Amino acid sequence: MICIREARDTDAAGIRDLFLAAYGDEYTYPDVYDEQRLKKLIFGEDVVLLVAEEEGGRLLGTASVILEIGAYTDLVGEFGRLVVHPEARGCGVGKLLMEARLSRVADRLHVGFVESRVVHPWSQRIAQQLGFAPVGFLPMKLHFGERRESSAILVKYFGQALELRRNHPRIAPEIYRLAAAALTSVGLRPDPVVDEDEPPYPPESGFAVAELTDEGYSSLLRIERGRTRKREIFGPLRLHYGYFKLRAESSNYLIAHQESTTLAAVGFTYNEHEENLRVFELIHLDDRAIHFLFEQLVERWKDRAVVIEVDVSAYAPRMQRTLLELGFVPAAYVPAFAFHRVERRDMVRMYRLLRPLDLGDMALVSPTRELADLVLRSFSRRDVAPRLAELAPDTGLFAHLSDEQRQRLASACSYRRVAAGQQVFAEGEAATEMFVVLSGEARVERRDHGEVGRVGGGECLGEVALLAETPHSAGATVVRDLEVAVLNRDDLKHLVRQRPDVGVVLYRNLALGLGDKLRRADGALPGA
């Protein structure tokens, strides 16, 4: 017989032992090993902490819900880590704990979310069985001992959350695929308006920058009192909490000055153990300082933080574009995340990884797997865009496109390396991708003719079969290590549908490039 009940102060040692049994001493939040901190958590008004107890009093598992994760009145709660003793796994303890959490907080929340580990499928499956839907993927978010793990974000809605959602968010095109997948995942019709025209905040410089002191706090309050700007960043803290509250929460502000005037400030928290930095607020009187502040934030923390997260309003395309240009990628899209006046607004979690991507072992289950693929493709596209920008003047595919059109085409491509001796594709293989060679060389050959040509930097490979929607009529093998930008058929169709002006020029360039290769090869098809 297993009993699920609220934790008591006498359970602190047993909860600590559960984490030790499940994780050793490597759990990502070391406070769980401190009995005094656990007792404070048990008595906290904004935390629901449950335990699973078998007959005889032994604790088999624990789980929590942390309320008030968002700003006041957002009604957002985080379903914290669900821990089951290794000896009790497979007995339904995890599901019982999740059901008990839901029953206790359903009338206190509009949005509940959980960050599930992805090294195993258990928490993902339990969450999905009880109505949580995947909306994002956070690579290398968690810190366990000497390694980092990724996590998936899943959400569940309560009460009138979705009825209060404001529809038709305005988002940058790079966010659309993830937004559509997340909205579909939670049972909503994808309705974002793709904003192709909104520019980023200007990349100006010349401002003095400082971190918050108690002397600087009063100047921020003056900005706050006079501010009429819309809320572009969602976060768990607000300036009106007070300076000493911010200090207690290990929060800080980076402030931009010009002469004696405070122009803007970015508020953030830093978790030293996790090496994660999270922006929770933007305050500004002058738009010119916004790009500068975020650029400074990345520069100042690039050697200390592994991850920087910013929860951006899905109705603020200018802020989205600014962060995209600073190397952030969309990692999650949460519909109806935050209250603003009388409606709930969608949120885009923008994610800046400051270390090389290293995913390690993962056991993703569908549909979490599909969301993760979309996010990881965004990281690949972020890496390829600068290389394509360098190569654009020498690449026929980008000829006659404006700078903005080139950037839009580059944002649809992903990046890949292929070592010498490996095949890019085989003769007769189905064609779903074309390649723009950034560096290196590939040999194109047919079984009945041998080598029919070579493709090098600035040229396309595989475009014939992609456009004709036929199998490759020749194979391609790497001669010198290859770096390629990859454009798949679905992304090409999506781009042309959204931007016919780019599509017209793109197809013209592909036709011209193919003609050049045909003349060079005297009738052979090196782009097959």
Protein backbone atom coordinates (compact mmCIF):
# COMPACT_ATOMS: atom_id res chain seq x y z
CA MET A 1 0.00 0.00 0.00
CA ILE A 2 1.43 3.37 -1.07
CA CYS A 3 0.19 6.61 0.50
CA ILE A 4 0.71 10.01 -1.16
CA ARG A 5 0.74 12.87 1.37
CA GLU A 6 2.16 16.33 1.90
CA ALA A 7 5.67 16.40 3.31
CA ARG A 8 6.34 17.13 6.98
CA ASP A 9 9.49 18.62 8.50
CA THR A 10 10.39 15.14 9.77
CA ASP A 11 10.61 13.97 6.13
CA ALA A 12 13.60 16.17 5.29
CA ALA A 13 16.21 13.46 5.90
CA GLY A 14 14.18 10.90 3.94
CA ILE A 15 13.80 13.27 0.96
CA ARG A 16 17.54 13.91 0.99
CA ASP A 17 18.17 10.16 1.00
CA LEU A 18 15.86 9.72 -2.02
CA PHE A 19 17.96 12.16 -4.04
CA LEU A 20 21.16 10.44 -2.91
CA ALA A 21 19.77 7.05 -3.95
CA ALA A 22 18.62 8.33 -7.34
CA TYR A 23 21.48 10.71 -8.24
CA GLY A 24 24.34 10.12 -5.82
CA ASP A 25 25.78 13.50 -4.92
CA GLU A 26 25.46 14.87 -8.49
CA TYR A 27 21.93 16.30 -8.49
CA THR A 28 21.79 19.56 -10.36
CA TYR A 29 20.45 21.57 -7.36
CA PRO A 30 22.62 20.85 -4.29
CA ASP A 31 20.09 22.40 -1.87
CA VAL A 32 18.24 19.05 -1.85
CA TYR A 33 21.09 17.59 0.24
CA ASP A 34 20.68 20.25 2.96
CA GLU A 35 18.06 19.21 5.54
CA GLN A 36 17.55 22.76 6.83
CA ARG A 37 16.84 24.09 3.34
CA LEU A 38 14.45 21.21 2.71
CA LYS A 39 12.56 22.07 5.90
CA LYS A 40 12.20 25.68 4.71
CA LEU A 41 10.88 24.33 1.41
CA ILE A 42 8.35 22.15 3.23
CA PHE A 43 7.00 25.15 5.15
CA GLY A 44 7.06 27.51 2.15
CA GLU A 45 3.70 28.93 1.10
CA ASP A 46 4.61 28.91 -2.58
CA VAL A 47 5.66 25.23 -2.71
CA VAL A 48 3.60 22.05 -2.66
CA LEU A 49 5.91 19.19 -1.64
CA LEU A 50 4.60 15.61 -1.63
CA VAL A 51 6.03 12.24 -0.65
CA ALA A 52 5.08 8.67 -1.48
CA GLU A 53 5.20 6.49 1.62
CA GLU A 54 4.81 2.73 1.89
CA GLU A 55 3.48 0.87 4.91
CA GLY A 56 6.09 1.02 7.61
CA GLY A 57 6.98 4.67 6.85
CA ARG A 58 9.65 4.25 4.20
CA LEU A 59 9.67 7.03 1.60
CA LEU A 60 9.61 5.75 -2.00
CA GLY A 61 9.41 9.03 -3.89
CA THR A 62 8.90 12.77 -3.76
CA ALA A 63 7.67 15.53 -6.07
CA SER A 64 6.94 19.24 -5.83
CA VAL A 65 5.13 22.12 -7.49
CA ILE A 66 6.68 25.57 -7.23
CA LEU A 67 4.01 28.24 -7.50
CA GLU A 68 4.41 31.89 -8.51
CA ILE A 69 7.11 31.07 -11.07
CA GLY A 70 6.02 33.98 -13.24
CA ALA A 71 5.42 37.56 -12.21
CA TYR A 72 2.50 38.20 -9.85
CA THR A 73 -0.86 37.07 -11.26
CA ASP A 74 0.71 35.01 -14.07
CA LEU A 75 -0.57 31.85 -12.32
CA VAL A 76 2.33 29.77 -13.65
CA GLY A 77 3.77 26.86 -11.68
CA GLU A 78 6.69 24.51 -12.22
CA PHE A 79 6.26 20.81 -11.53
CA GLY A 80 9.68 20.17 -10.01
CA ARG A 81 11.77 17.05 -10.24
CA LEU A 82 9.88 13.83 -9.56
CA VAL A 83 12.19 11.38 -7.78
CA VAL A 84 11.50 7.68 -7.23
CA HIS A 85 13.81 5.39 -5.29
CA PRO A 86 15.56 3.02 -7.76
CA GLU A 87 14.11 -0.01 -5.94
CA ALA A 88 10.54 1.29 -6.45
CA ARG A 89 10.74 2.14 -10.15
CA GLY A 90 8.19 0.40 -12.35
CA CYS A 91 5.62 0.22 -9.54
CA GLY A 92 3.57 3.27 -10.57
CA VAL A 93 4.93 5.58 -7.86
CA GLY A 94 5.80 8.33 -10.33
CA LYS A 95 2.32 8.37 -11.84
CA LEU A 96 0.70 8.48 -8.39
CA LEU A 97 2.85 11.46 -7.42
CA MET A 98 2.05 13.31 -10.64
CA GLU A 99 -1.70 12.69 -10.23
CA ALA A 100 -1.56 13.90 -6.64
CA ARG A 101 0.27 17.07 -7.63
CA LEU A 102 -2.32 17.84 -10.30
CA SER A 103 -5.25 17.38 -7.93
CA ARG A 104 -3.71 19.73 -5.36
CA VAL A 105 -2.84 22.66 -7.64
CA ALA A 106 -5.40 22.53 -10.46
CA ASP A 107 -7.43 25.37 -8.92
CA ARG A 108 -4.32 27.49 -8.20
CA LEU A 109 -2.77 27.59 -11.68
CA HIS A 110 -3.49 28.48 -15.27
CA VAL A 111 -0.24 27.04 -16.66
CA GLY A 112 1.87 24.21 -15.28
CA PHE A 113 5.13 23.19 -16.86
CA VAL A 114 7.72 20.53 -16.30
CA GLU A 115 11.31 20.25 -17.49
CA SER A 116 11.80 16.53 -18.10
CA ARG A 117 15.19 14.87 -18.28
CA VAL A 118 15.78 13.20 -21.63
CA VAL A 119 18.47 10.67 -20.74
CA HIS A 120 15.59 8.30 -20.03
CA PRO A 121 11.94 8.27 -21.21
CA TRP A 122 10.16 7.81 -17.87
CA SER A 123 9.33 11.39 -16.88
CA GLN A 124 8.41 12.31 -20.46
CA ARG A 125 5.94 9.42 -20.66
CA ILE A 126 4.39 10.09 -17.26
CA ALA A 127 3.91 13.77 -18.08
CA GLN A 128 2.35 13.02 -21.48
CA GLN A 129 0.03 10.36 -20.04
CA LEU A 130 -1.37 12.99 -17.66
CA GLY A 131 -1.99 15.66 -20.28
CA PHE A 132 1.28 17.58 -20.50
CA ALA A 133 2.27 18.48 -24.08
CA PRO A 134 5.84 19.12 -25.32
CA VAL A 135 6.58 22.68 -26.43
CA GLY A 136 10.39 22.91 -26.42
CA PHE A 137 13.83 21.44 -25.89
CA LEU A 138 16.71 22.94 -23.88
CA PRO A 139 20.09 21.48 -24.86
CA MET A 140 22.72 21.18 -22.12
CA LYS A 141 20.45 22.91 -19.60
CA LEU A 142 21.09 20.69 -16.56
CA HIS A 143 24.35 20.11 -14.69
CA PHE A 144 24.97 16.64 -13.27
CA GLY A 145 28.46 16.15 -11.89
CA GLU A 146 30.95 16.46 -14.74
CA ARG A 147 28.35 16.27 -17.49
CA ARG A 148 25.49 18.37 -18.78
CA GLU A 149 22.09 17.03 -19.79
CA SER A 150 19.33 18.40 -21.95
CA SER A 151 15.71 18.73 -20.90
CA ALA A 152 12.32 18.90 -22.60
CA ILE A 153 9.64 21.46 -21.68
CA LEU A 154 6.06 20.19 -21.42
CA VAL A 155 2.99 22.23 -20.42
CA LYS A 156 -0.54 21.64 -19.18
CA TYR A 157 -3.36 24.19 -18.93
CA PHE A 158 -5.98 24.69 -16.24
CA GLY A 159 -9.14 26.73 -15.91
CA GLN A 160 -9.68 29.37 -18.59
CA ALA A 161 -6.02 29.72 -19.59
CA LEU A 162 -6.47 28.94 -23.28
CA GLU A 163 -9.78 30.83 -23.54
CA LEU A 164 -7.96 33.97 -22.36
CA ARG A 165 -5.13 33.55 -24.86
CA ARG A 166 -4.51 36.45 -27.21
CA ASN A 167 -4.41 35.10 -30.77
CA HIS A 168 -2.30 36.02 -33.80
CA PRO A 169 1.11 36.63 -32.20
CA ARG A 170 3.72 38.36 -34.36
CA ILE A 171 6.91 36.37 -34.69
CA ALA A 172 10.15 36.35 -36.68
CA PRO A 173 10.16 33.74 -39.47
CA GLU A 174 12.87 31.68 -37.75
CA ILE A 175 10.42 30.99 -34.92
CA TYR A 176 7.41 29.94 -37.00
CA ARG A 177 8.08 26.19 -37.32
CA LEU A 178 8.58 25.76 -33.57
CA ALA A 179 5.56 27.94 -32.77
CA ALA A 180 3.30 25.98 -35.13
CA ALA A 181 4.48 22.65 -33.69
CA ALA A 182 3.97 23.80 -30.08
CA LEU A 183 0.51 25.24 -30.75
CA THR A 184 -0.52 22.02 -32.47
CA SER A 185 0.93 20.01 -29.59
CA VAL A 186 -1.36 21.74 -27.06
CA GLY A 187 -4.41 21.44 -29.33
CA LEU A 188 -4.52 24.95 -30.79
CA ARG A 189 -4.65 26.05 -34.41
CA PRO A 190 -1.32 27.61 -35.49
CA ASP A 191 -2.17 31.29 -35.92
CA PRO A 192 1.11 33.28 -35.70
CA VAL A 193 1.63 36.13 -38.13
CA VAL A 194 5.13 35.94 -39.60
CA ASP A 195 6.74 39.37 -39.44
CA GLU A 196 9.38 39.66 -42.16
CA ASP A 197 9.87 43.41 -41.88
CA GLU A 198 10.39 44.34 -38.23
CA PRO A 199 14.04 45.41 -37.79
CA PRO A 200 16.13 44.62 -34.71
CA TYR A 201 16.93 47.27 -32.16
CA PRO A 202 19.82 49.33 -33.58
CA PRO A 203 23.33 48.03 -32.79
CA GLU A 204 24.59 51.34 -31.41
CA SER A 205 27.48 51.82 -29.01
CA GLY A 206 29.09 54.57 -26.98
CA PHE A 207 27.09 53.99 -23.80
CA ALA A 208 28.62 53.54 -20.37
CA VAL A 209 27.66 50.27 -18.70
CA ALA A 210 27.57 49.32 -15.01
CA GLU A 211 26.01 46.73 -12.72
CA LEU A 212 23.33 47.64 -10.21
CA THR A 213 24.23 49.19 -6.86
CA ASP A 214 21.86 50.55 -4.24
CA GLU A 215 22.68 54.04 -5.54
CA GLY A 216 21.52 53.01 -9.02
CA TYR A 217 18.28 51.47 -7.82
CA SER A 218 16.46 54.78 -7.48
CA SER A 219 17.20 55.72 -11.09
CA LEU A 220 15.63 52.44 -12.24
CA LEU A 221 12.55 53.18 -10.19
CA ARG A 222 12.21 56.46 -12.03
CA ILE A 223 12.31 54.59 -15.35
CA GLU A 224 9.72 52.16 -14.06
CA ARG A 225 7.34 54.90 -12.94
CA GLY A 226 7.58 56.72 -16.25
CA ARG A 227 7.52 53.66 -18.48
CA THR A 228 4.68 53.18 -20.97
CA ARG A 229 6.43 50.55 -23.10
CA LYS A 230 4.83 47.18 -23.73
CA ARG A 231 6.12 44.16 -21.84
CA GLU A 232 8.61 42.42 -24.12
CA ILE A 233 10.32 40.08 -21.65
CA PHE A 234 8.55 37.81 -19.16
CA GLY A 235 10.26 36.81 -15.94
CA PRO A 236 9.81 35.65 -12.36
CA LEU A 237 10.89 38.90 -10.72
CA ARG A 238 9.84 42.52 -11.02
CA LEU A 239 11.68 45.67 -10.06
CA HIS A 240 9.04 46.66 -7.49
CA TYR A 241 10.08 43.67 -5.34
CA GLY A 242 12.73 46.02 -3.95
CA TYR A 243 16.50 46.12 -3.94
CA PHE A 244 17.03 43.90 -0.91
CA LYS A 245 14.68 41.27 -2.32
CA LEU A 246 16.67 41.30 -5.55
CA ARG A 247 19.92 40.87 -3.65
CA ALA A 248 18.45 37.95 -1.71
CA GLU A 249 17.47 36.31 -4.99
CA SER A 250 21.03 36.73 -6.40
CA SER A 251 19.57 39.01 -9.03
CA ASN A 252 21.29 41.88 -10.76
CA TYR A 253 20.86 44.58 -13.39
CA LEU A 254 23.15 45.67 -16.18
CA ILE A 255 22.56 49.39 -16.75
CA ALA A 256 23.34 51.60 -19.75
CA HIS A 257 24.13 55.28 -19.09
CA GLN A 258 24.81 58.25 -21.30
CA GLU A 259 26.37 61.12 -19.41
CA SER A 260 24.24 61.32 -16.23
CA THR A 261 21.13 59.69 -17.67
CA THR A 262 20.11 56.06 -17.13
CA LEU A 263 18.73 54.84 -20.47
CA ALA A 264 18.01 51.15 -20.02
CA ALA A 265 18.59 48.13 -17.80
CA VAL A 266 18.47 44.35 -18.16
CA GLY A 267 17.68 42.31 -15.04
CA PHE A 268 19.09 38.81 -14.69
CA THR A 269 19.77 35.98 -12.26
CA TYR A 270 22.77 33.65 -12.32
CA ASN A 271 22.85 30.14 -10.89
CA GLU A 272 26.49 29.50 -10.04
CA HIS A 273 26.09 25.73 -9.74
CA GLU A 274 24.15 25.42 -13.00
CA GLU A 275 26.25 28.09 -14.76
CA ASN A 276 22.98 29.34 -16.25
CA LEU A 277 21.99 32.98 -16.61
CA ARG A 278 18.37 34.00 -17.00
CA VAL A 279 17.10 37.43 -18.02
CA PHE A 280 13.88 38.38 -16.20
CA GLU A 281 13.28 42.02 -17.11
CA LEU A 282 14.04 44.80 -19.57
CA ILE A 283 13.44 48.43 -18.62
CA HIS A 284 14.21 51.21 -21.10
CA LEU A 285 13.64 54.84 -21.86
CA ASP A 286 15.70 54.78 -25.06
CA ASP A 287 15.53 52.00 -27.68
CA ARG A 288 19.09 52.71 -28.78
CA ALA A 289 20.60 51.06 -25.70
CA ILE A 290 18.75 47.71 -25.91
CA HIS A 291 20.94 45.90 -28.47
CA PHE A 292 24.03 47.26 -26.72
CA LEU A 293 22.95 45.91 -23.32
CA PHE A 294 22.25 42.39 -24.55
CA GLU A 295 25.51 42.37 -26.48
CA GLN A 296 27.33 43.42 -23.29
CA LEU A 297 25.54 40.74 -21.30
CA VAL A 298 26.75 37.99 -23.65
CA GLU A 299 30.28 39.40 -23.74
CA ARG A 300 30.59 39.73 -19.96
CA TRP A 301 29.30 36.24 -19.21
CA LYS A 302 30.64 34.20 -22.14
CA ASP A 303 33.45 32.68 -20.04
CA ARG A 304 31.33 31.99 -16.92
CA ALA A 305 27.88 30.96 -18.12
CA VAL A 306 27.01 27.95 -20.26
CA VAL A 307 23.45 29.04 -21.08
CA ILE A 308 21.62 32.38 -21.28
CA GLU A 309 17.80 32.24 -21.40
CA VAL A 310 15.34 35.01 -22.21
CA ASP A 311 11.55 34.55 -22.22
CA VAL A 312 10.36 36.94 -24.92
CA SER A 313 6.82 37.99 -25.74
CA ALA A 314 5.57 36.35 -28.92
CA TYR A 315 4.11 39.76 -29.81
CA ALA A 316 7.49 41.53 -29.80
CA PRO A 317 9.17 40.68 -33.14
CA ARG A 318 11.72 43.45 -32.73
CA MET A 319 13.11 41.92 -29.55
CA GLN A 320 13.00 38.45 -31.14
CA ARG A 321 14.99 39.73 -34.14
CA THR A 322 17.55 41.45 -31.88
CA LEU A 323 18.25 38.23 -29.97
CA LEU A 324 18.41 36.15 -33.15
CA GLU A 325 21.10 38.49 -34.48
CA LEU A 326 23.03 38.04 -31.21
CA GLY A 327 23.17 34.26 -31.65
CA PHE A 328 20.10 33.23 -29.62
CA VAL A 329 17.82 30.54 -31.03
CA PRO A 330 14.17 29.72 -30.24
CA ALA A 331 14.17 26.73 -27.89
CA ALA A 332 10.56 26.67 -26.65
CA TYR A 333 7.21 28.23 -27.50
CA VAL A 334 4.68 28.33 -24.66
CA PRO A 335 1.15 29.47 -25.58
CA ALA A 336 -0.77 31.59 -23.04
CA PHE A 337 2.24 31.81 -20.76
CA ALA A 338 1.84 35.21 -19.08
CA PHE A 339 -0.97 37.54 -18.11
CA HIS A 340 -0.92 41.00 -19.65
CA ARG A 341 -3.86 43.15 -18.58
CA VAL A 342 -6.91 40.95 -19.30
CA GLU A 343 -5.39 38.33 -21.60
CA ARG A 344 -2.74 35.65 -21.66
CA ARG A 345 0.15 35.99 -24.10
CA ASP A 346 2.43 33.45 -25.76
CA MET A 347 6.12 33.29 -24.91
CA VAL A 348 9.21 32.35 -26.93
CA ARG A 349 12.17 31.09 -24.91
CA MET A 350 15.29 32.37 -26.65
CA TYR A 351 18.38 30.37 -25.81
CA ARG A 352 22.06 31.24 -26.16
CA LEU A 353 24.49 28.35 -25.72
CA LEU A 354 28.00 29.57 -24.88
CA ARG A 355 29.73 26.19 -25.23
CA PRO A 356 29.96 23.73 -28.14
CA LEU A 357 26.81 21.65 -28.49
CA ASP A 358 27.32 18.24 -26.83
CA LEU A 359 24.07 16.33 -26.37
CA GLY A 360 25.33 13.03 -24.98
CA ASP A 361 22.88 10.15 -24.54
CA MET A 362 19.18 10.91 -25.04
CA ALA A 363 16.01 8.80 -25.01
CA LEU A 364 13.42 11.13 -26.53
CA VAL A 365 9.89 9.90 -27.06
CA SER A 366 7.46 11.22 -29.65
CA PRO A 367 6.25 13.98 -29.96
CA THR A 368 9.05 15.42 -27.80
CA ARG A 369 11.52 14.08 -30.35
CA GLU A 370 10.01 16.15 -33.16
CA LEU A 371 10.17 19.36 -31.07
CA ALA A 372 13.82 18.63 -30.22
CA ASP A 373 14.65 18.16 -33.91
CA LEU A 374 13.21 21.60 -34.71
CA VAL A 375 15.26 23.25 -31.97
CA LEU A 376 18.48 21.48 -32.95
CA ARG A 377 17.98 22.54 -36.56
CA SER A 378 17.84 26.14 -35.32
CA PHE A 379 21.27 25.68 -33.72
CA SER A 380 22.59 24.27 -36.98
CA ARG A 381 21.15 27.23 -38.93
CA ARG A 382 22.67 29.70 -36.51
CA ASP A 383 26.10 28.20 -37.19
CA VAL A 384 25.74 28.23 -40.97
CA ALA A 385 24.46 31.80 -41.39
CA PRO A 386 27.83 33.57 -40.84
CA ARG A 387 29.60 31.19 -43.23
CA LEU A 388 26.97 31.74 -45.90
CA ALA A 389 27.23 35.49 -45.42
CA GLU A 390 30.99 35.28 -46.06
CA LEU A 391 30.52 33.09 -49.11
CA ALA A 392 27.48 34.87 -50.56
CA PRO A 393 29.39 37.11 -53.02
CA ASP A 394 30.97 34.03 -54.60
CA THR A 395 27.88 31.80 -54.51
CA GLY A 396 25.60 31.73 -57.53
CA LEU A 397 22.65 30.66 -55.38
CA PHE A 398 22.74 34.04 -53.57
CA ALA A 399 23.23 36.21 -56.68
CA HIS A 400 20.81 39.12 -57.24
CA LEU A 401 19.38 38.81 -53.72
CA SER A 402 19.30 41.77 -51.34
CA ASP A 403 21.10 41.52 -48.00
CA GLU A 404 17.77 40.91 -46.27
CA GLN A 405 16.79 38.22 -48.80
CA ARG A 406 20.17 36.50 -48.39
CA GLN A 407 19.71 36.47 -44.64
CA ARG A 408 16.25 34.97 -45.04
CA LEU A 409 17.56 32.22 -47.33
CA ALA A 410 20.48 31.53 -44.98
CA SER A 411 18.08 31.18 -42.04
CA ALA A 412 16.36 28.29 -43.86
CA CYS A 413 19.62 26.32 -44.17
CA SER A 414 21.32 24.03 -41.69
CA TYR A 415 25.02 23.14 -41.39
CA ARG A 416 26.83 19.86 -41.90
CA ARG A 417 30.39 18.52 -42.12
CA VAL A 418 31.22 15.47 -44.21
CA ALA A 419 34.69 13.88 -44.00
CA ALA A 420 36.82 12.94 -47.01
CA GLY A 421 35.91 9.52 -48.38
CA GLN A 422 32.31 9.62 -47.18
CA GLN A 423 29.29 9.72 -49.45
CA VAL A 424 27.06 12.77 -49.50
CA PHE A 425 24.38 10.77 -51.32
CA ALA A 426 24.24 7.64 -53.44
CA GLU A 427 23.02 7.13 -56.98
CA GLY A 428 19.35 6.10 -56.92
CA GLU A 429 18.83 7.45 -53.37
CA ALA A 430 15.70 9.52 -52.70
CA ALA A 431 16.47 13.25 -52.81
CA THR A 432 15.17 15.33 -49.92
CA GLU A 433 18.03 17.85 -49.61
CA MET A 434 20.30 20.05 -51.68
CA PHE A 435 23.70 21.30 -50.56
CA VAL A 436 25.62 24.56 -50.93
CA VAL A 437 29.34 23.81 -50.65
CA LEU A 438 31.03 26.20 -48.20
CA SER A 439 34.46 24.58 -48.39
CA GLY A 440 36.03 21.37 -49.69
CA GLU A 441 35.28 19.37 -52.81
CA ALA A 442 33.05 16.47 -53.85
CA ARG A 443 33.35 14.07 -56.80
CA VAL A 444 30.17 13.27 -58.73
CA GLU A 445 30.08 9.86 -60.39
CA ARG A 446 27.73 7.45 -62.13
CA ARG A 447 28.02 3.70 -62.18
CA ASP A 448 27.97 3.59 -65.97
CA HIS A 449 30.25 6.59 -66.64
CA GLY A 450 32.59 6.90 -63.63
CA GLU A 451 33.45 10.44 -62.59
CA VAL A 452 31.37 13.06 -64.39
CA GLY A 453 32.44 16.19 -62.53
CA ARG A 454 33.51 17.89 -59.32
CA VAL A 455 31.75 20.45 -57.16
CA GLY A 456 33.59 22.96 -54.96
CA GLY A 457 33.11 26.05 -52.84
CA GLY A 458 30.18 28.26 -53.79
CA GLU A 459 28.45 25.60 -55.92
CA CYS A 460 25.32 23.53 -55.35
CA LEU A 461 25.09 19.78 -55.10
CA GLY A 462 22.00 17.61 -55.41
CA GLU A 463 19.70 20.36 -56.67
CA VAL A 464 18.57 18.55 -59.83
CA ALA A 465 16.95 15.62 -58.04
CA LEU A 466 15.53 17.89 -55.34
CA LEU A 467 13.78 20.18 -57.81
CA ALA A 468 12.60 17.34 -60.06
CA GLU A 469 11.56 15.26 -57.02
CA THR A 470 13.31 12.22 -58.48
CA PRO A 471 16.05 9.93 -57.07
CA HIS A 472 19.65 11.07 -57.50
CA SER A 473 20.90 10.16 -60.99
CA ALA A 474 24.50 10.15 -59.72
CA GLY A 475 26.32 9.74 -56.43
CA ALA A 476 28.59 12.26 -54.67
CA THR A 477 31.68 11.38 -52.62
CA VAL A 478 33.82 13.82 -50.65
CA VAL A 479 37.34 14.38 -52.00
CA ARG A 480 38.38 17.09 -49.52
CA ASP A 481 36.58 17.53 -46.17
CA LEU A 482 33.29 19.20 -46.95
CA GLU A 483 31.37 21.94 -45.16
CA VAL A 484 27.90 22.39 -46.58
CA ALA A 485 24.76 24.41 -46.00
CA VAL A 486 21.77 22.08 -46.29
CA LEU A 487 18.38 23.12 -47.63
CA ASN A 488 15.71 20.41 -47.49
CA ARG A 489 12.64 20.23 -49.69
CA ASP A 490 10.12 21.10 -46.97
CA ASP A 491 12.09 24.16 -45.87
CA LEU A 492 12.51 25.26 -49.50
CA LYS A 493 8.77 25.00 -50.14
CA HIS A 494 8.01 26.80 -46.90
CA LEU A 495 10.42 29.63 -47.79
CA VAL A 496 9.03 30.04 -51.30
CA ARG A 497 5.46 30.03 -49.96
CA GLN A 498 6.27 32.75 -47.41
CA ARG A 499 8.66 34.71 -49.60
CA PRO A 500 7.83 34.36 -53.31
CA ASP A 501 10.21 37.26 -54.02
CA VAL A 502 13.09 35.09 -52.76
CA GLY A 503 11.73 32.02 -54.57
CA VAL A 504 11.71 33.68 -58.01
CA VAL A 505 15.37 34.70 -57.75
CA LEU A 506 16.38 31.41 -56.12
CA TYR A 507 14.93 29.24 -58.90
CA ARG A 508 16.51 31.49 -61.53
CA ASN A 509 19.92 31.13 -59.84
CA LEU A 510 19.53 27.35 -59.59
CA ALA A 511 18.74 27.16 -63.30
CA LEU A 512 21.76 29.28 -64.23
CA GLY A 513 24.05 27.24 -61.98
CA LEU A 514 22.80 24.00 -63.46
CA GLY A 515 23.39 25.33 -66.98
CA ASP A 516 26.99 26.20 -66.11
CA LYS A 517 27.63 22.70 -64.78
CA LEU A 518 26.04 21.09 -67.83
CA ARG A 519 28.29 23.06 -70.14
CA ARG A 520 31.34 22.16 -68.04
CA ALA A 521 30.51 18.48 -67.98
CA ASP A 522 29.57 18.33 -71.65
CA GLY A 523 26.11 16.91 -71.04
CA ALA A 524 26.70 15.02 -67.78
CA LEU A 525 24.81 15.86 -64.61
CA PRO A 526 27.31 16.69 -61.82
CA GLY A 527 24.55 18.31 -59.77
CA ALA A 528 22.49 15.13 -59.80
